[in-house]
């Protein structure tokens, strides 16, 4: 089981990506819990996650997120092309690679 937290400004565009990632996980028989939040909810949500992915529009938050999590979770910005194309398979693969 991998728990993936998606963070963006309002949580709306990442909600669409979350659906694509969930479908990709089911197709690949990967147990995944994926949810999307606006950045203002980060402090309450990050402890539940194994991996934190930032929408490209909030990539500038990476250092802050790493500080908040004290380096206990891998954090990365989602590739802009994968995000723009809503490529759930690619973003899921990124999360799995980050978890290691």
C-alpha atoms as a PDB file:
ATOM      1  CA  UNK A   1       0.000   0.000   0.000  1.00  0.00           C
ATOM      2  CA  UNK A   2       1.278   3.418  -0.965  1.00  0.00           C
ATOM      3  CA  UNK A   3      -0.329   6.609   0.333  1.00  0.00           C
ATOM      4  CA  UNK A   4       0.121   9.532  -2.042  1.00  0.00           C
ATOM      5  CA  UNK A   5      -0.753  13.105  -1.143  1.00  0.00           C
ATOM      6  CA  UNK A   6      -1.227  15.556  -4.022  1.00  0.00           C
ATOM      7  CA  UNK A   7      -0.960  19.253  -3.180  1.00  0.00           C
ATOM      8  CA  UNK A   8      -1.996  22.258  -5.275  1.00  0.00           C
ATOM      9  CA  UNK A   9      -3.504  25.719  -4.807  1.00  0.00           C
ATOM     10  CA  UNK A  10      -7.168  24.762  -4.590  1.00  0.00           C
ATOM     11  CA  UNK A  11      -7.072  20.970  -4.916  1.00  0.00           C
ATOM     12  CA  UNK A  12      -9.267  21.002  -8.023  1.00  0.00           C
ATOM     13  CA  UNK A  13      -6.883  20.140 -10.849  1.00  0.00           C
ATOM     14  CA  UNK A  14      -5.092  17.606  -8.683  1.00  0.00           C
ATOM     15  CA  UNK A  15      -8.470  16.012  -7.953  1.00  0.00           C
ATOM     16  CA  UNK A  16      -8.789  15.207 -11.649  1.00  0.00           C
ATOM     17  CA  UNK A  17      -5.257  13.805 -11.675  1.00  0.00           C
ATOM     18  CA  UNK A  18      -6.063  11.791  -8.547  1.00  0.00           C
ATOM     19  CA  UNK A  19      -8.843  10.009 -10.445  1.00  0.00           C
ATOM     20  CA  UNK A  20      -6.477   9.145 -13.295  1.00  0.00           C
ATOM     21  CA  UNK A  21      -3.854   7.875 -10.842  1.00  0.00           C
ATOM     22  CA  UNK A  22      -6.416   5.766  -8.992  1.00  0.00           C
ATOM     23  CA  UNK A  23      -7.524   4.189 -12.276  1.00  0.00           C
ATOM     24  CA  UNK A  24      -3.891   3.506 -13.225  1.00  0.00           C
ATOM     25  CA  UNK A  25      -3.253   1.871  -9.851  1.00  0.00           C
ATOM     26  CA  UNK A  26      -6.279  -0.410 -10.277  1.00  0.00           C
ATOM     27  CA  UNK A  27      -5.160  -1.400 -13.783  1.00  0.00           C
ATOM     28  CA  UNK A  28      -1.721  -2.305 -12.419  1.00  0.00           C
ATOM     29  CA  UNK A  29      -3.058  -4.055  -9.286  1.00  0.00           C
ATOM     30  CA  UNK A  30      -1.281  -1.562  -7.049  1.00  0.00           C
ATOM     31  CA  UNK A  31      -2.831  -0.825  -3.677  1.00  0.00           C
ATOM     32  CA  UNK A  32      -2.831   2.947  -3.430  1.00  0.00           C
ATOM     33  CA  UNK A  33      -4.603   5.596  -1.416  1.00  0.00           C
ATOM     34  CA  UNK A  34      -4.399   8.881  -3.290  1.00  0.00           C
ATOM     35  CA  UNK A  35      -5.926  12.165  -2.224  1.00  0.00           C
ATOM     36  CA  UNK A  36      -5.667  15.806  -3.237  1.00  0.00           C
ATOM     37  CA  UNK A  37      -5.661  18.875  -1.020  1.00  0.00           C
ATOM     38  CA  UNK A  38      -5.139  22.618  -1.249  1.00  0.00           C
ATOM     39  CA  UNK A  39      -1.796  23.699   0.197  1.00  0.00           C
ATOM     40  CA  UNK A  40      -3.478  25.302   3.229  1.00  0.00           C
ATOM     41  CA  UNK A  41      -4.350  21.803   4.538  1.00  0.00           C
ATOM     42  CA  UNK A  42      -0.798  20.481   4.341  1.00  0.00           C
ATOM     43  CA  UNK A  43      -0.076  20.609   8.084  1.00  0.00           C
ATOM     44  CA  UNK A  44      -3.004  18.369   8.954  1.00  0.00           C
ATOM     45  CA  UNK A  45      -2.706  15.929   6.028  1.00  0.00           C
ATOM     46  CA  UNK A  46       1.003  15.209   5.510  1.00  0.00           C
ATOM     47  CA  UNK A  47       1.435  12.739   8.414  1.00  0.00           C
ATOM     48  CA  UNK A  48      -0.946  10.303   6.645  1.00  0.00           C
ATOM     49  CA  UNK A  49       1.156  10.211   3.448  1.00  0.00           C
ATOM     50  CA  UNK A  50       4.078   8.066   2.309  1.00  0.00           C
ATOM     51  CA  UNK A  51       4.863  10.433  -0.587  1.00  0.00           C
ATOM     52  CA  UNK A  52       3.962  14.075  -1.216  1.00  0.00           C
ATOM     53  CA  UNK A  53       3.659  15.348  -4.777  1.00  0.00           C
ATOM     54  CA  UNK A  54       3.263  19.030  -5.558  1.00  0.00           C
ATOM     55  CA  UNK A  55       1.392  20.383  -8.545  1.00  0.00           C
ATOM     56  CA  UNK A  56       3.728  22.366 -10.823  1.00  0.00           C
ATOM     57  CA  UNK A  57       1.985  25.602  -9.816  1.00  0.00           C
ATOM     58  CA  UNK A  58       3.083  25.092  -6.183  1.00  0.00           C
ATOM     59  CA  UNK A  59       6.511  23.582  -6.847  1.00  0.00           C
ATOM     60  CA  UNK A  60       7.977  26.598  -5.027  1.00  0.00           C
ATOM     61  CA  UNK A  61       6.604  25.089  -1.778  1.00  0.00           C
ATOM     62  CA  UNK A  62       9.003  22.125  -1.896  1.00  0.00           C
ATOM     63  CA  UNK A  63      11.488  23.548   0.628  1.00  0.00           C
ATOM     64  CA  UNK A  64       8.673  24.529   3.001  1.00  0.00           C
ATOM     65  CA  UNK A  65       7.086  21.082   2.782  1.00  0.00           C
ATOM     66  CA  UNK A  66      10.437  19.423   3.475  1.00  0.00           C
ATOM     67  CA  UNK A  67      10.803  21.659   6.537  1.00  0.00           C
ATOM     68  CA  UNK A  68       7.284  20.903   7.770  1.00  0.00           C
ATOM     69  CA  UNK A  69       7.792  17.151   7.340  1.00  0.00           C
ATOM     70  CA  UNK A  70      11.332  17.353   8.766  1.00  0.00           C
ATOM     71  CA  UNK A  71      12.533  15.288   5.825  1.00  0.00           C
ATOM     72  CA  UNK A  72      10.479  12.263   6.878  1.00  0.00           C
ATOM     73  CA  UNK A  73       8.590  12.021   3.559  1.00  0.00           C
ATOM     74  CA  UNK A  74       9.853  12.221  -0.007  1.00  0.00           C
ATOM     75  CA  UNK A  75       8.592  15.397  -1.677  1.00  0.00           C
ATOM     76  CA  UNK A  76       8.713  16.265  -5.375  1.00  0.00           C
ATOM     77  CA  UNK A  77       7.025  18.458  -7.942  1.00  0.00           C
ATOM     78  CA  UNK A  78       4.961  16.623 -10.528  1.00  0.00           C
ATOM     79  CA  UNK A  79       6.453  16.770 -13.995  1.00  0.00           C
ATOM     80  CA  UNK A  80       4.698  19.610 -15.851  1.00  0.00           C
ATOM     81  CA  UNK A  81       4.083  17.584 -19.011  1.00  0.00           C
ATOM     82  CA  UNK A  82       2.584  14.647 -17.101  1.00  0.00           C
ATOM     83  CA  UNK A  83       0.469  17.064 -15.074  1.00  0.00           C
ATOM     84  CA  UNK A  84      -0.747  18.960 -18.114  1.00  0.00           C
ATOM     85  CA  UNK A  85      -1.698  15.744 -19.875  1.00  0.00           C
ATOM     86  CA  UNK A  86      -3.260  14.339 -16.695  1.00  0.00           C
ATOM     87  CA  UNK A  87      -1.077  11.261 -17.164  1.00  0.00           C
ATOM     88  CA  UNK A  88      -2.021   9.284 -14.068  1.00  0.00           C
ATOM     89  CA  UNK A  89       0.201   6.346 -15.016  1.00  0.00           C
ATOM     90  CA  UNK A  90       3.299   8.520 -15.220  1.00  0.00           C
ATOM     91  CA  UNK A  91       2.616  10.403 -11.984  1.00  0.00           C
ATOM     92  CA  UNK A  92       1.843   7.151 -10.169  1.00  0.00           C
ATOM     93  CA  UNK A  93       5.190   5.791 -11.362  1.00  0.00           C
ATOM     94  CA  UNK A  94       6.897   8.948 -10.069  1.00  0.00           C
ATOM     95  CA  UNK A  95       5.343   8.462  -6.634  1.00  0.00           C
ATOM     96  CA  UNK A  96       6.312   4.798  -6.466  1.00  0.00           C
ATOM     97  CA  UNK A  97       9.890   5.613  -7.489  1.00  0.00           C
ATOM     98  CA  UNK A  98      10.071   8.282  -4.777  1.00  0.00           C
ATOM     99  CA  UNK A  99       8.888   5.888  -2.093  1.00  0.00           C
ATOM    100  CA  UNK A 100      11.569   3.442  -3.190  1.00  0.00           C
END
